[in-house]
Every structure is written in C-alpha cells, then in structure tokens.
Amino acid sequence: MCRHLAYLGEPVSLRQIVVEPAHGLYEQSWRPRAQRHGTVNADGFGVGWYADGDPHPARYRRAIPIWADPSFADVARVTRTRALLAAVRSATPGGSQAADAAAPYTEGPRLFSHNGRLDA
C-alpha cells in the first residue's frame, strides 16, 4: 500500500509538510502503524509541487526509500510551496521498480497520484 499526502495552504517548505510532522509521511515510510501489505514503503517516493506563478508542477521522484536519499533533505529544506502532493511507495507485485513508477504523476498542468496499478 502506498501512502499519499496532499497540502494546499500558506507557503511552507517541503520539509515542514513531508519530513517534520510527528508520524508524517517520512516516518510512515519506515514505521507504519497500520499497513495491510508489505512492511515498509521502501520502493520509491515522489514529491510534486507548484512554484508561485508557474502553472506547471515540479517533481522530485526516486526509486529508493525517502529516508535513503540524502539529496531530498536539501531539496525539502529549501523548496517552498503553497501546494504539494507526495507519496511513498510499496510497489504492487510485478510492478515497475523504476523512478517513473513513483507518484506523483503529471498531465499538463495537473499533478495526481493513485494507489495500485493502472493497465494501459
């Protein structure tokens, strides 16, 4: 089961929303309280956000656990946004292990996320 987080509000750093909250998405990825499948969310992660004045989202996605990516700590500390979507991944058996399989996804100016597999 993947875990998803959405935020819409006053400008904050990615770190304030994704990493710092008690039992936030970062902590849930390695210490879930309720998870029906898998044990941790170690199959990748992604964060997407909108910069002020830009209608197209930026994304940072990796095929490694969020806690294993030292670059994300820097990105999360300095990036501020009013709108973000983030996910930590526990891959569907047989699914891709590549970074492009990690949510969030984009379609033009839209940023979206889902749980499970979508067949083409």
N, C-alpha and C. Protein backbone atom coordinates (compact mmCIF):
# COMPACT_ATOMS: atom_id res chain seq x y z
N MET A 1 0.84 -1.17 0.00
CA MET A 1 0.00 0.00 0.00
C MET A 1 0.89 1.24 0.00
N CYS A 2 0.67 2.11 -0.94
CA CYS A 2 1.38 3.39 -0.97
C CYS A 2 0.70 4.34 0.00
N ARG A 3 1.43 5.35 0.40
CA ARG A 3 0.88 6.38 1.28
C ARG A 3 0.99 7.71 0.56
N HIS A 4 -0.06 8.51 0.67
CA HIS A 4 -0.15 9.76 -0.07
C HIS A 4 -0.39 10.93 0.87
N LEU A 5 0.08 12.10 0.47
CA LEU A 5 -0.07 13.32 1.25
C LEU A 5 -0.36 14.46 0.30
N ALA A 6 -1.34 15.27 0.61
CA ALA A 6 -1.64 16.48 -0.16
C ALA A 6 -1.67 17.67 0.78
N TYR A 7 -1.19 18.81 0.29
CA TYR A 7 -1.21 20.05 1.07
C TYR A 7 -1.60 21.20 0.16
N LEU A 8 -2.46 22.06 0.66
CA LEU A 8 -2.86 23.29 -0.02
C LEU A 8 -3.04 24.34 1.07
N GLY A 9 -2.24 25.39 1.05
CA GLY A 9 -2.34 26.39 2.10
C GLY A 9 -1.29 27.47 1.97
N GLU A 10 -0.92 28.05 3.10
CA GLU A 10 0.11 29.09 3.12
C GLU A 10 1.46 28.49 2.72
N PRO A 11 2.38 29.31 2.19
CA PRO A 11 3.69 28.78 1.78
C PRO A 11 4.43 28.12 2.94
N VAL A 12 4.94 26.93 2.67
CA VAL A 12 5.73 26.16 3.64
C VAL A 12 6.84 25.44 2.88
N SER A 13 7.84 24.99 3.60
CA SER A 13 8.88 24.18 2.96
C SER A 13 8.36 22.75 2.83
N LEU A 14 8.88 22.03 1.87
CA LEU A 14 8.53 20.61 1.74
C LEU A 14 8.87 19.88 3.03
N ARG A 15 9.95 20.27 3.65
CA ARG A 15 10.38 19.63 4.90
C ARG A 15 9.30 19.76 5.99
N GLN A 16 8.68 20.93 6.10
CA GLN A 16 7.66 21.16 7.13
C GLN A 16 6.46 20.23 6.96
N ILE A 17 6.14 19.85 5.75
CA ILE A 17 4.96 19.04 5.50
C ILE A 17 5.29 17.55 5.37
N VAL A 18 6.39 17.22 4.72
CA VAL A 18 6.70 15.82 4.42
C VAL A 18 7.55 15.17 5.51
N VAL A 19 8.51 15.90 6.07
CA VAL A 19 9.51 15.30 6.96
C VAL A 19 9.24 15.55 8.45
N GLU A 20 8.91 16.76 8.83
CA GLU A 20 8.88 17.14 10.24
C GLU A 20 7.68 16.69 11.07
N PRO A 21 6.49 16.57 10.54
CA PRO A 21 5.36 16.23 11.41
C PRO A 21 5.54 14.88 12.13
N ALA A 22 5.07 14.84 13.37
CA ALA A 22 5.08 13.58 14.11
C ALA A 22 4.25 12.57 13.33
N HIS A 23 4.82 11.45 13.05
CA HIS A 23 4.22 10.38 12.24
C HIS A 23 3.76 10.89 10.87
N GLY A 24 4.55 11.80 10.31
CA GLY A 24 4.28 12.30 8.96
C GLY A 24 4.66 11.27 7.91
N LEU A 25 4.56 11.66 6.66
CA LEU A 25 4.80 10.73 5.56
C LEU A 25 6.20 10.13 5.61
N TYR A 26 7.20 10.93 5.96
CA TYR A 26 8.57 10.44 6.05
C TYR A 26 8.66 9.30 7.07
N GLU A 27 8.14 9.52 8.26
CA GLU A 27 8.17 8.49 9.30
C GLU A 27 7.29 7.29 8.94
N GLN A 28 6.14 7.54 8.35
CA GLN A 28 5.26 6.44 7.96
C GLN A 28 5.94 5.49 6.98
N SER A 29 6.87 6.00 6.19
CA SER A 29 7.53 5.15 5.19
C SER A 29 8.37 4.04 5.83
N TRP A 30 8.88 4.26 7.01
CA TRP A 30 9.67 3.23 7.67
C TRP A 30 9.09 2.73 8.99
N ARG A 31 8.05 3.40 9.50
CA ARG A 31 7.42 2.94 10.74
C ARG A 31 5.90 3.11 10.64
N PRO A 32 5.26 2.32 9.77
CA PRO A 32 3.81 2.46 9.62
C PRO A 32 3.08 1.90 10.84
N ARG A 33 1.94 2.49 11.13
CA ARG A 33 1.12 1.99 12.24
C ARG A 33 0.10 0.97 11.76
N ALA A 34 -0.37 1.14 10.56
CA ALA A 34 -1.39 0.23 10.01
C ALA A 34 -1.10 0.04 8.53
N GLN A 35 -0.65 -1.14 8.18
CA GLN A 35 -0.35 -1.44 6.78
C GLN A 35 -0.73 -2.88 6.51
N ARG A 36 -1.59 -3.07 5.53
CA ARG A 36 -2.11 -4.41 5.24
C ARG A 36 -1.18 -5.23 4.36
N HIS A 37 -0.38 -4.59 3.52
CA HIS A 37 0.50 -5.31 2.61
C HIS A 37 1.91 -4.74 2.74
N GLY A 38 2.91 -5.61 2.71
CA GLY A 38 4.29 -5.15 2.85
C GLY A 38 4.58 -4.76 4.28
N THR A 39 5.81 -4.33 4.51
CA THR A 39 6.19 -3.94 5.87
C THR A 39 6.60 -2.48 5.95
N VAL A 40 7.18 -1.95 4.89
CA VAL A 40 7.58 -0.54 4.83
C VAL A 40 7.33 -0.03 3.42
N ASN A 41 7.42 1.28 3.26
CA ASN A 41 7.27 1.89 1.93
C ASN A 41 8.66 2.24 1.41
N ALA A 42 9.36 1.22 0.92
CA ALA A 42 10.76 1.36 0.52
C ALA A 42 11.00 1.26 -0.98
N ASP A 43 9.94 1.26 -1.78
CA ASP A 43 10.09 1.05 -3.22
C ASP A 43 10.11 2.34 -4.02
N GLY A 44 10.40 3.44 -3.38
CA GLY A 44 10.49 4.72 -4.07
C GLY A 44 9.59 5.75 -3.43
N PHE A 45 9.73 6.98 -3.90
CA PHE A 45 8.91 8.08 -3.38
C PHE A 45 8.92 9.20 -4.40
N GLY A 46 8.02 10.13 -4.19
CA GLY A 46 7.99 11.31 -5.04
C GLY A 46 7.28 12.45 -4.35
N VAL A 47 7.67 13.65 -4.75
CA VAL A 47 7.02 14.86 -4.27
C VAL A 47 6.84 15.76 -5.48
N GLY A 48 5.66 16.33 -5.62
CA GLY A 48 5.38 17.29 -6.67
C GLY A 48 4.84 18.56 -6.04
N TRP A 49 5.17 19.71 -6.62
CA TRP A 49 4.72 20.98 -6.05
C TRP A 49 4.61 22.02 -7.16
N TYR A 50 3.92 23.08 -6.82
CA TYR A 50 3.76 24.21 -7.72
C TYR A 50 4.51 25.40 -7.14
N ALA A 51 5.34 26.04 -7.96
CA ALA A 51 6.01 27.27 -7.56
C ALA A 51 5.06 28.43 -7.86
N ASP A 52 5.11 29.46 -7.05
CA ASP A 52 4.25 30.63 -7.27
C ASP A 52 4.43 31.16 -8.69
N GLY A 53 3.33 31.37 -9.37
CA GLY A 53 3.35 31.93 -10.71
C GLY A 53 3.60 30.95 -11.83
N ASP A 54 3.87 29.70 -11.53
CA ASP A 54 4.13 28.70 -12.56
C ASP A 54 2.99 27.69 -12.56
N PRO A 55 2.24 27.58 -13.65
CA PRO A 55 1.09 26.66 -13.67
C PRO A 55 1.47 25.19 -13.83
N HIS A 56 2.75 24.91 -14.11
CA HIS A 56 3.17 23.52 -14.29
C HIS A 56 3.96 23.05 -13.07
N PRO A 57 3.66 21.86 -12.58
CA PRO A 57 4.31 21.38 -11.37
C PRO A 57 5.75 20.93 -11.60
N ALA A 58 6.53 20.99 -10.54
CA ALA A 58 7.87 20.41 -10.49
C ALA A 58 7.76 19.10 -9.72
N ARG A 59 8.64 18.15 -10.03
CA ARG A 59 8.61 16.87 -9.32
C ARG A 59 10.02 16.43 -8.95
N TYR A 60 10.09 15.67 -7.87
CA TYR A 60 11.32 15.00 -7.44
C TYR A 60 10.91 13.58 -7.13
N ARG A 61 11.37 12.61 -7.93
CA ARG A 61 10.98 11.21 -7.74
C ARG A 61 12.22 10.33 -7.77
N ARG A 62 12.22 9.32 -6.92
CA ARG A 62 13.35 8.39 -6.86
C ARG A 62 12.83 6.97 -6.65
N ALA A 63 13.66 5.99 -7.03
CA ALA A 63 13.31 4.57 -6.89
C ALA A 63 13.90 3.99 -5.61
N ILE A 64 14.31 4.84 -4.70
CA ILE A 64 14.87 4.39 -3.42
C ILE A 64 13.97 4.92 -2.30
N PRO A 65 14.13 4.40 -1.09
CA PRO A 65 13.31 4.90 0.02
C PRO A 65 13.60 6.38 0.30
N ILE A 66 12.60 7.10 0.75
CA ILE A 66 12.75 8.52 1.04
C ILE A 66 13.85 8.76 2.07
N TRP A 67 14.00 7.88 3.04
CA TRP A 67 15.00 8.05 4.09
C TRP A 67 16.41 7.77 3.59
N ALA A 68 16.57 7.15 2.43
CA ALA A 68 17.88 6.78 1.90
C ALA A 68 18.42 7.80 0.89
N ASP A 69 17.70 8.88 0.66
CA ASP A 69 18.10 9.87 -0.34
C ASP A 69 18.61 11.13 0.35
N PRO A 70 19.94 11.31 0.45
CA PRO A 70 20.46 12.49 1.14
C PRO A 70 20.15 13.80 0.41
N SER A 71 19.96 13.74 -0.90
CA SER A 71 19.65 14.96 -1.65
C SER A 71 18.26 15.49 -1.33
N PHE A 72 17.33 14.60 -1.01
CA PHE A 72 15.97 15.06 -0.72
C PHE A 72 15.95 15.97 0.51
N ALA A 73 16.79 15.71 1.48
CA ALA A 73 16.83 16.56 2.68
C ALA A 73 17.13 18.01 2.29
N ASP A 74 18.05 18.22 1.36
CA ASP A 74 18.38 19.57 0.90
C ASP A 74 17.25 20.19 0.10
N VAL A 75 16.69 19.42 -0.82
CA VAL A 75 15.57 19.90 -1.63
C VAL A 75 14.40 20.29 -0.73
N ALA A 76 14.09 19.43 0.23
CA ALA A 76 12.95 19.67 1.12
C ALA A 76 13.16 20.89 2.01
N ARG A 77 14.39 21.15 2.37
CA ARG A 77 14.69 22.28 3.25
C ARG A 77 14.52 23.62 2.53
N VAL A 78 14.89 23.70 1.26
CA VAL A 78 14.92 24.99 0.57
C VAL A 78 13.74 25.24 -0.37
N THR A 79 12.92 24.25 -0.63
CA THR A 79 11.79 24.41 -1.56
C THR A 79 10.53 24.76 -0.79
N ARG A 80 9.90 25.87 -1.18
CA ARG A 80 8.66 26.32 -0.55
C ARG A 80 7.54 26.29 -1.56
N THR A 81 6.34 26.00 -1.07
CA THR A 81 5.18 25.91 -1.96
C THR A 81 3.90 26.15 -1.18
N ARG A 82 2.85 26.44 -1.93
CA ARG A 82 1.50 26.54 -1.38
C ARG A 82 0.71 25.27 -1.67
N ALA A 83 1.24 24.42 -2.57
CA ALA A 83 0.50 23.21 -2.98
C ALA A 83 1.49 22.09 -3.28
N LEU A 84 1.29 20.95 -2.64
CA LEU A 84 2.16 19.81 -2.92
C LEU A 84 1.38 18.51 -2.84
N LEU A 85 1.93 17.51 -3.49
CA LEU A 85 1.41 16.15 -3.46
C LEU A 85 2.62 15.24 -3.33
N ALA A 86 2.59 14.32 -2.37
CA ALA A 86 3.72 13.43 -2.13
C ALA A 86 3.23 12.01 -1.91
N ALA A 87 4.12 11.04 -2.18
CA ALA A 87 3.78 9.64 -1.97
C ALA A 87 5.03 8.84 -1.66
N VAL A 88 4.89 7.86 -0.79
CA VAL A 88 5.93 6.86 -0.57
C VAL A 88 5.35 5.54 -1.05
N ARG A 89 6.19 4.71 -1.66
CA ARG A 89 5.70 3.59 -2.44
C ARG A 89 6.03 2.23 -1.83
N SER A 90 5.04 1.36 -1.85
CA SER A 90 5.22 -0.07 -1.63
C SER A 90 4.69 -0.69 -2.91
N ALA A 91 5.60 -1.10 -3.78
CA ALA A 91 5.24 -1.49 -5.15
C ALA A 91 4.27 -2.66 -5.21
N THR A 92 3.38 -2.58 -6.18
CA THR A 92 2.49 -3.70 -6.49
C THR A 92 3.35 -4.84 -6.99
N PRO A 93 3.16 -6.08 -6.51
CA PRO A 93 3.95 -7.21 -7.01
C PRO A 93 3.92 -7.27 -8.54
N GLY A 94 5.11 -7.39 -9.12
CA GLY A 94 5.23 -7.44 -10.57
C GLY A 94 5.29 -6.07 -11.22
N GLY A 95 5.16 -5.02 -10.44
CA GLY A 95 5.18 -3.66 -10.97
C GLY A 95 6.60 -3.16 -11.19
N SER A 96 6.71 -2.06 -11.89
CA SER A 96 8.00 -1.45 -12.19
C SER A 96 8.70 -1.00 -10.91
N GLN A 97 10.02 -1.09 -10.93
CA GLN A 97 10.83 -0.61 -9.82
C GLN A 97 11.53 0.70 -10.17
N ALA A 98 11.20 1.28 -11.31
CA ALA A 98 11.85 2.50 -11.78
C ALA A 98 11.28 3.74 -11.10
N ALA A 99 12.06 4.82 -11.11
CA ALA A 99 11.62 6.07 -10.50
C ALA A 99 10.36 6.61 -11.15
N ASP A 100 10.18 6.37 -12.45
CA ASP A 100 8.99 6.91 -13.12
C ASP A 100 7.71 6.20 -12.70
N ALA A 101 7.83 5.12 -11.93
CA ALA A 101 6.64 4.45 -11.39
C ALA A 101 6.17 5.08 -10.09
N ALA A 102 7.00 5.95 -9.52
CA ALA A 102 6.65 6.60 -8.25
C ALA A 102 5.76 7.81 -8.49
N ALA A 103 4.69 7.91 -7.73
CA ALA A 103 3.82 9.09 -7.79
C ALA A 103 4.56 10.26 -7.15
N PRO A 104 4.16 11.47 -7.45
CA PRO A 104 3.01 11.87 -8.25
C PRO A 104 3.35 11.91 -9.74
N TYR A 105 2.30 11.94 -10.52
CA TYR A 105 2.39 11.97 -11.97
C TYR A 105 1.86 13.30 -12.47
N THR A 106 2.15 13.63 -13.72
CA THR A 106 1.65 14.87 -14.30
C THR A 106 0.97 14.61 -15.63
N GLU A 107 0.04 15.47 -15.94
CA GLU A 107 -0.61 15.53 -17.24
C GLU A 107 -0.84 17.01 -17.48
N GLY A 108 0.03 17.61 -18.30
CA GLY A 108 -0.04 19.06 -18.48
C GLY A 108 0.14 19.76 -17.15
N PRO A 109 -0.76 20.65 -16.79
CA PRO A 109 -0.63 21.37 -15.52
C PRO A 109 -1.17 20.61 -14.31
N ARG A 110 -1.65 19.40 -14.52
CA ARG A 110 -2.24 18.63 -13.42
C ARG A 110 -1.20 17.71 -12.77
N LEU A 111 -1.31 17.62 -11.47
CA LEU A 111 -0.48 16.74 -10.65
C LEU A 111 -1.43 15.77 -9.99
N PHE A 112 -1.14 14.46 -10.08
CA PHE A 112 -2.06 13.49 -9.49
C PHE A 112 -1.32 12.27 -8.96
N SER A 113 -2.04 11.48 -8.17
CA SER A 113 -1.49 10.29 -7.54
C SER A 113 -2.57 9.23 -7.47
N HIS A 114 -2.18 7.99 -7.39
CA HIS A 114 -3.14 6.90 -7.22
C HIS A 114 -2.45 5.74 -6.52
N ASN A 115 -3.24 4.81 -6.05
CA ASN A 115 -2.72 3.62 -5.39
C ASN A 115 -3.04 2.41 -6.26
N GLY A 116 -2.07 1.52 -6.44
CA GLY A 116 -2.30 0.34 -7.25
C GLY A 116 -1.74 0.50 -8.65
N ARG A 117 -2.16 -0.39 -9.53
CA ARG A 117 -1.63 -0.42 -10.90
C ARG A 117 -2.73 -0.07 -11.89
N LEU A 118 -2.37 0.71 -12.90
CA LEU A 118 -3.28 1.02 -14.00
C LEU A 118 -2.74 0.38 -15.26
N ASP A 119 -3.52 -0.47 -15.88
CA ASP A 119 -3.10 -1.09 -17.13
C ASP A 119 -3.44 -0.17 -18.29
N ALA A 120 -2.53 -0.12 -19.25
CA ALA A 120 -2.73 0.75 -20.43
C ALA A 120 -3.82 0.22 -21.33
